Amino acid sequence: MEYFNQLFDQPDQLPVHWYDHEFEQCTFRKLDLSQQVLARSNFTNCQFDTCNLAGCQVKNTKFDDVHFAHCRLSQVDFSFCNAFAFHVDFEECQLDYTVFLGRNLKKTRFVNCSLKEAHFLKCDLTGAVFKHCNLELAKFGENNLTQADFSTSYNLRMNLDDNTVKKARFSLHNLPGLLAQYNLTIIE
């Protein structure tokens, strides 16, 4: 089924099943979509505002220019999404325990997000912005972090040798987590 330029803000407006649907320029507001199967659905130029999408299954789901604000997306494995035209942004979202494996996340914005124990593996995060994000126990491995901005985020711990970090931005407060692998003592 195809939906265009619709606002979904009442549970009775929602499709019975979420898979194999096309959503374009739609807004989803204050909905509990936790544990839903969104498989093979396409979301293009859509916005999710104050929604619970925790544990959603997103196998072959297309997220093209999708903005998530004030959403709970914990335990979502974005690795299963359709890689074609994957472009998302997150603002004030809970992304704890999420997985991004092999995703193109160029210029993706993570603003005021919790990314506790999130996994970024083999991703292209060129020019990505992590603004005021909690990165406690987040894993970064084999990523391109060229020109990524971590300067305002906190609890960052990363093996710099395992990532490409050319011209990436970090704050002085990030240094202990960036140098932890060397077992150094940092004194202020």
C-alpha atoms as a PDB file:
ATOM      1  CA  MET A   1       0.000   0.000   0.000  1.00  0.00           C
ATOM      2  CA  GLU A   2       1.224   3.518  -0.718  1.00  0.00           C
ATOM      3  CA  TYR A   3       0.893   6.514   1.591  1.00  0.00           C
ATOM      4  CA  PHE A   4       1.797  10.063   0.566  1.00  0.00           C
ATOM      5  CA  ASN A   5       2.024  13.194   2.729  1.00  0.00           C
ATOM      6  CA  GLN A   6       0.037  11.746   5.617  1.00  0.00           C
ATOM      7  CA  LEU A   7       0.194  12.349   9.338  1.00  0.00           C
ATOM      8  CA  PHE A   8       0.001   9.246  11.498  1.00  0.00           C
ATOM      9  CA  ASP A   9      -0.652  10.216  15.112  1.00  0.00           C
ATOM     10  CA  GLN A  10      -3.448   7.905  16.208  1.00  0.00           C
ATOM     11  CA  PRO A  11      -3.102   4.141  16.684  1.00  0.00           C
ATOM     12  CA  ASP A  12      -6.298   3.478  14.704  1.00  0.00           C
ATOM     13  CA  GLN A  13      -4.767   5.157  11.610  1.00  0.00           C
ATOM     14  CA  LEU A  14      -1.891   2.700  11.413  1.00  0.00           C
ATOM     15  CA  PRO A  15      -1.617  -0.178   8.993  1.00  0.00           C
ATOM     16  CA  VAL A  16      -2.368  -3.565  10.523  1.00  0.00           C
ATOM     17  CA  HIS A  17       0.914  -4.875   9.144  1.00  0.00           C
ATOM     18  CA  TRP A  18       3.910  -2.627   8.485  1.00  0.00           C
ATOM     19  CA  TYR A  19       5.793  -4.651   5.899  1.00  0.00           C
ATOM     20  CA  ASP A  20       5.761  -4.025   2.125  1.00  0.00           C
ATOM     21  CA  HIS A  21       4.440  -0.448   2.332  1.00  0.00           C
ATOM     22  CA  GLU A  22       5.571   2.789   0.680  1.00  0.00           C
ATOM     23  CA  PHE A  23       5.583   5.946   2.814  1.00  0.00           C
ATOM     24  CA  GLU A  24       6.586   9.233   1.207  1.00  0.00           C
ATOM     25  CA  GLN A  25       6.656  12.606   2.979  1.00  0.00           C
ATOM     26  CA  CYS A  26       4.776  11.126   5.932  1.00  0.00           C
ATOM     27  CA  THR A  27       5.003  12.134   9.583  1.00  0.00           C
ATOM     28  CA  PHE A  28       4.689   9.647  12.434  1.00  0.00           C
ATOM     29  CA  ARG A  29       4.011  11.305  15.791  1.00  0.00           C
ATOM     30  CA  LYS A  30       3.773   9.911  19.348  1.00  0.00           C
ATOM     31  CA  LEU A  31       3.338   6.287  18.296  1.00  0.00           C
ATOM     32  CA  ASP A  32       4.418   3.078  19.973  1.00  0.00           C
ATOM     33  CA  LEU A  33       5.834   0.977  17.151  1.00  0.00           C
ATOM     34  CA  SER A  34       8.114  -1.111  19.337  1.00  0.00           C
ATOM     35  CA  GLN A  35       8.837  -4.631  18.078  1.00  0.00           C
ATOM     36  CA  GLN A  36       7.013  -3.958  14.787  1.00  0.00           C
ATOM     37  CA  VAL A  37       8.163  -5.700  11.622  1.00  0.00           C
ATOM     38  CA  LEU A  38       8.877  -2.953   9.087  1.00  0.00           C
ATOM     39  CA  ALA A  39      10.463  -5.371   6.619  1.00  0.00           C
ATOM     40  CA  ARG A  40      10.562  -4.395   2.938  1.00  0.00           C
ATOM     41  CA  SER A  41       8.845  -1.047   3.583  1.00  0.00           C
ATOM     42  CA  ASN A  42      10.160   2.173   2.072  1.00  0.00           C
ATOM     43  CA  PHE A  43      10.254   5.448   3.994  1.00  0.00           C
ATOM     44  CA  THR A  44      11.209   8.434   1.830  1.00  0.00           C
ATOM     45  CA  ASN A  45      11.406  12.017   3.152  1.00  0.00           C
ATOM     46  CA  CYS A  46       9.616  10.980   6.350  1.00  0.00           C
ATOM     47  CA  GLN A  47       9.769  12.173   9.946  1.00  0.00           C
ATOM     48  CA  PHE A  48       9.343  10.217  13.149  1.00  0.00           C
ATOM     49  CA  ASP A  49       8.643  12.438  16.163  1.00  0.00           C
ATOM     50  CA  THR A  50       8.419  11.104  19.733  1.00  0.00           C
ATOM     51  CA  CYS A  51       7.932   7.497  18.604  1.00  0.00           C
ATOM     52  CA  ASN A  52       8.988   4.272  20.247  1.00  0.00           C
ATOM     53  CA  LEU A  53      10.657   2.057  17.634  1.00  0.00           C
ATOM     54  CA  ALA A  54      12.658  -0.053  20.085  1.00  0.00           C
ATOM     55  CA  GLY A  55      13.411  -3.504  18.787  1.00  0.00           C
ATOM     56  CA  CYS A  56      11.855  -2.927  15.356  1.00  0.00           C
ATOM     57  CA  GLN A  57      12.828  -5.361  12.633  1.00  0.00           C
ATOM     58  CA  VAL A  58      14.052  -3.480   9.588  1.00  0.00           C
ATOM     59  CA  LYS A  59      15.133  -6.203   7.162  1.00  0.00           C
ATOM     60  CA  ASN A  60      15.323  -4.697   3.652  1.00  0.00           C
ATOM     61  CA  THR A  61      13.634  -1.532   4.912  1.00  0.00           C
ATOM     62  CA  LYS A  62      14.568   1.606   3.010  1.00  0.00           C
ATOM     63  CA  PHE A  63      15.187   4.798   4.990  1.00  0.00           C
ATOM     64  CA  ASP A  64      15.860   7.569   2.469  1.00  0.00           C
ATOM     65  CA  ASP A  65      16.104  11.050   4.004  1.00  0.00           C
ATOM     66  CA  VAL A  66      14.372  10.085   7.249  1.00  0.00           C
ATOM     67  CA  HIS A  67      14.599  12.263  10.360  1.00  0.00           C
ATOM     68  CA  PHE A  68      14.063  10.814  13.829  1.00  0.00           C
ATOM     69  CA  ALA A  69      13.430  13.276  16.686  1.00  0.00           C
ATOM     70  CA  HIS A  70      12.796  12.403  20.347  1.00  0.00           C
ATOM     71  CA  CYS A  71      12.504   8.720  19.427  1.00  0.00           C
ATOM     72  CA  ARG A  72      13.473   5.535  21.187  1.00  0.00           C
ATOM     73  CA  LEU A  73      15.319   3.235  18.780  1.00  0.00           C
ATOM     74  CA  SER A  74      17.213   0.997  21.167  1.00  0.00           C
ATOM     75  CA  GLN A  75      18.218  -2.447  19.891  1.00  0.00           C
ATOM     76  CA  VAL A  76      17.480  -1.659  16.241  1.00  0.00           C
ATOM     77  CA  ASP A  77      19.931  -3.339  13.878  1.00  0.00           C
ATOM     78  CA  PHE A  78      20.245  -0.941  10.940  1.00  0.00           C
ATOM     79  CA  SER A  79      22.618  -3.412   9.270  1.00  0.00           C
ATOM     80  CA  PHE A  80      19.628  -5.252   7.852  1.00  0.00           C
ATOM     81  CA  CYS A  81      18.200  -2.135   6.157  1.00  0.00           C
ATOM     82  CA  ASN A  82      18.313  -1.646   2.431  1.00  0.00           C
ATOM     83  CA  ALA A  83      21.701  -0.010   1.860  1.00  0.00           C
ATOM     84  CA  PHE A  84      20.521   1.853  -1.245  1.00  0.00           C
ATOM     85  CA  ALA A  85      19.878   5.560  -0.532  1.00  0.00           C
ATOM     86  CA  PHE A  86      20.215   5.000   3.239  1.00  0.00           C
ATOM     87  CA  HIS A  87      20.177   8.463   4.797  1.00  0.00           C
ATOM     88  CA  VAL A  88      18.983   9.171   8.339  1.00  0.00           C
ATOM     89  CA  ASP A  89      19.430  11.857  10.989  1.00  0.00           C
ATOM     90  CA  PHE A  90      18.773  11.622  14.711  1.00  0.00           C
ATOM     91  CA  GLU A  91      17.916  14.362  17.188  1.00  0.00           C
ATOM     92  CA  GLU A  92      17.457  13.714  20.913  1.00  0.00           C
ATOM     93  CA  CYS A  93      17.024   9.993  20.333  1.00  0.00           C
ATOM     94  CA  GLN A  94      17.845   6.975  22.432  1.00  0.00           C
ATOM     95  CA  LEU A  95      19.955   4.721  20.217  1.00  0.00           C
ATOM     96  CA  ASP A  96      21.383   2.464  22.919  1.00  0.00           C
ATOM     97  CA  TYR A  97      22.472  -0.989  21.690  1.00  0.00           C
ATOM     98  CA  THR A  98      21.861  -0.138  18.019  1.00  0.00           C
ATOM     99  CA  VAL A  99      24.003  -1.645  15.273  1.00  0.00           C
ATOM    100  CA  PHE A 100      25.316   0.069  12.164  1.00  0.00           C
ATOM    101  CA  LEU A 101      27.338  -2.442  10.127  1.00  0.00           C
ATOM    102  CA  GLY A 102      28.599  -1.470   6.688  1.00  0.00           C
ATOM    103  CA  ARG A 103      26.321   1.563   6.462  1.00  0.00           C
ATOM    104  CA  ASN A 104      27.003   4.719   4.493  1.00  0.00           C
ATOM    105  CA  LEU A 105      26.482   7.375   7.164  1.00  0.00           C
ATOM    106  CA  LYS A 106      28.212  10.274   5.414  1.00  0.00           C
ATOM    107  CA  LYS A 107      27.216  13.585   6.996  1.00  0.00           C
ATOM    108  CA  THR A 108      24.720  11.883   9.300  1.00  0.00           C
ATOM    109  CA  ARG A 109      23.830  14.029  12.307  1.00  0.00           C
ATOM    110  CA  PHE A 110      23.467  12.588  15.780  1.00  0.00           C
ATOM    111  CA  VAL A 111      22.364  15.484  18.015  1.00  0.00           C
ATOM    112  CA  ASN A 112      21.849  15.093  21.778  1.00  0.00           C
ATOM    113  CA  CYS A 113      21.546  11.320  21.442  1.00  0.00           C
ATOM    114  CA  SER A 114      22.293   8.452  23.769  1.00  0.00           C
ATOM    115  CA  LEU A 115      24.396   5.874  21.922  1.00  0.00           C
ATOM    116  CA  LYS A 116      25.351   3.630  24.833  1.00  0.00           C
ATOM    117  CA  GLU A 117      26.897   0.389  23.589  1.00  0.00           C
ATOM    118  CA  ALA A 118      26.012   1.222  19.971  1.00  0.00           C
ATOM    119  CA  HIS A 119      28.154  -0.513  17.360  1.00  0.00           C
ATOM    120  CA  PHE A 120      29.575   1.296  14.332  1.00  0.00           C
ATOM    121  CA  LEU A 121      31.496  -1.252  12.282  1.00  0.00           C
ATOM    122  CA  LYS A 122      32.848  -0.849   8.736  1.00  0.00           C
ATOM    123  CA  CYS A 123      30.809   2.338   8.213  1.00  0.00           C
ATOM    124  CA  ASP A 124      31.560   5.444   6.218  1.00  0.00           C
ATOM    125  CA  LEU A 125      31.007   8.242   8.736  1.00  0.00           C
ATOM    126  CA  THR A 126      32.807  10.908   6.690  1.00  0.00           C
ATOM    127  CA  GLY A 127      31.669  14.313   7.924  1.00  0.00           C
ATOM    128  CA  ALA A 128      29.255  12.808  10.466  1.00  0.00           C
ATOM    129  CA  VAL A 129      28.430  14.951  13.493  1.00  0.00           C
ATOM    130  CA  PHE A 130      28.043  13.558  16.994  1.00  0.00           C
ATOM    131  CA  LYS A 131      26.849  16.666  18.849  1.00  0.00           C
ATOM    132  CA  HIS A 132      26.441  16.338  22.632  1.00  0.00           C
ATOM    133  CA  CYS A 133      26.074  12.539  22.430  1.00  0.00           C
ATOM    134  CA  ASN A 134      26.694  10.004  25.159  1.00  0.00           C
ATOM    135  CA  LEU A 135      28.991   7.386  23.591  1.00  0.00           C
ATOM    136  CA  GLU A 136      29.476   5.264  26.697  1.00  0.00           C
ATOM    137  CA  LEU A 137      30.837   1.840  25.676  1.00  0.00           C
ATOM    138  CA  ALA A 138      30.054   2.528  21.999  1.00  0.00           C
ATOM    139  CA  LYS A 139      32.228   0.481  19.636  1.00  0.00           C
ATOM    140  CA  PHE A 140      33.922   1.973  16.582  1.00  0.00           C
ATOM    141  CA  GLY A 141      35.796  -0.431  14.320  1.00  0.00           C
ATOM    142  CA  GLU A 142      37.125  -0.237  10.759  1.00  0.00           C
ATOM    143  CA  ASN A 143      35.220   2.985  10.044  1.00  0.00           C
ATOM    144  CA  ASN A 144      36.040   5.964   7.892  1.00  0.00           C
ATOM    145  CA  LEU A 145      35.745   8.841  10.369  1.00  0.00           C
ATOM    146  CA  THR A 146      37.370  11.451   8.111  1.00  0.00           C
ATOM    147  CA  GLN A 147      36.201  14.911   9.210  1.00  0.00           C
ATOM    148  CA  ALA A 148      33.737  13.426  11.719  1.00  0.00           C
ATOM    149  CA  ASP A 149      33.013  15.740  14.650  1.00  0.00           C
ATOM    150  CA  PHE A 150      33.061  14.262  18.161  1.00  0.00           C
ATOM    151  CA  SER A 151      34.141  17.518  19.818  1.00  0.00           C
ATOM    152  CA  THR A 152      31.073  17.956  22.035  1.00  0.00           C
ATOM    153  CA  SER A 153      30.335  14.292  22.759  1.00  0.00           C
ATOM    154  CA  TYR A 154      31.381  12.497  25.903  1.00  0.00           C
ATOM    155  CA  ASN A 155      32.326   9.049  27.224  1.00  0.00           C
ATOM    156  CA  LEU A 156      34.087   8.380  23.920  1.00  0.00           C
ATOM    157  CA  ARG A 157      36.490   5.455  23.859  1.00  0.00           C
ATOM    158  CA  MET A 158      37.991   4.421  20.549  1.00  0.00           C
ATOM    159  CA  ASN A 159      40.978   2.634  19.072  1.00  0.00           C
ATOM    160  CA  LEU A 160      42.333   5.249  16.680  1.00  0.00           C
ATOM    161  CA  ASP A 161      44.481   2.667  14.896  1.00  0.00           C
ATOM    162  CA  ASP A 162      41.366   0.694  13.942  1.00  0.00           C
ATOM    163  CA  ASN A 163      39.633   3.643  12.228  1.00  0.00           C
ATOM    164  CA  THR A 164      40.524   6.264   9.638  1.00  0.00           C
ATOM    165  CA  VAL A 165      40.407   9.535  11.594  1.00  0.00           C
ATOM    166  CA  LYS A 166      41.981  12.061   9.226  1.00  0.00           C
ATOM    167  CA  LYS A 167      40.845  15.574  10.195  1.00  0.00           C
ATOM    168  CA  ALA A 168      38.311  14.210  12.691  1.00  0.00           C
ATOM    169  CA  ARG A 169      37.496  16.596  15.538  1.00  0.00           C
ATOM    170  CA  PHE A 170      37.833  15.675  19.198  1.00  0.00           C
ATOM    171  CA  SER A 171      37.893  17.719  22.395  1.00  0.00           C
ATOM    172  CA  LEU A 172      40.585  17.588  25.067  1.00  0.00           C
ATOM    173  CA  HIS A 173      38.064  15.751  27.257  1.00  0.00           C
ATOM    174  CA  ASN A 174      37.996  12.928  24.660  1.00  0.00           C
ATOM    175  CA  LEU A 175      41.749  12.270  24.964  1.00  0.00           C
ATOM    176  CA  PRO A 176      41.660   9.725  27.819  1.00  0.00           C
ATOM    177  CA  GLY A 177      39.241   7.521  25.835  1.00  0.00           C
ATOM    178  CA  LEU A 178      41.282   7.913  22.671  1.00  0.00           C
ATOM    179  CA  LEU A 179      44.550   7.006  24.362  1.00  0.00           C
ATOM    180  CA  ALA A 180      43.235   4.227  26.635  1.00  0.00           C
ATOM    181  CA  GLN A 181      44.720   1.496  24.424  1.00  0.00           C
ATOM    182  CA  TYR A 182      48.195   2.819  25.216  1.00  0.00           C
ATOM    183  CA  ASN A 183      47.732   2.474  28.993  1.00  0.00           C
ATOM    184  CA  LEU A 184      48.910   6.055  29.600  1.00  0.00           C
ATOM    185  CA  THR A 185      48.247   8.189  32.637  1.00  0.00           C
ATOM    186  CA  ILE A 186      46.770  11.568  31.622  1.00  0.00           C
ATOM    187  CA  ILE A 187      47.259  14.403  34.113  1.00  0.00           C
ATOM    188  CA  GLU A 188      45.462  17.733  33.929  1.00  0.00           C
END
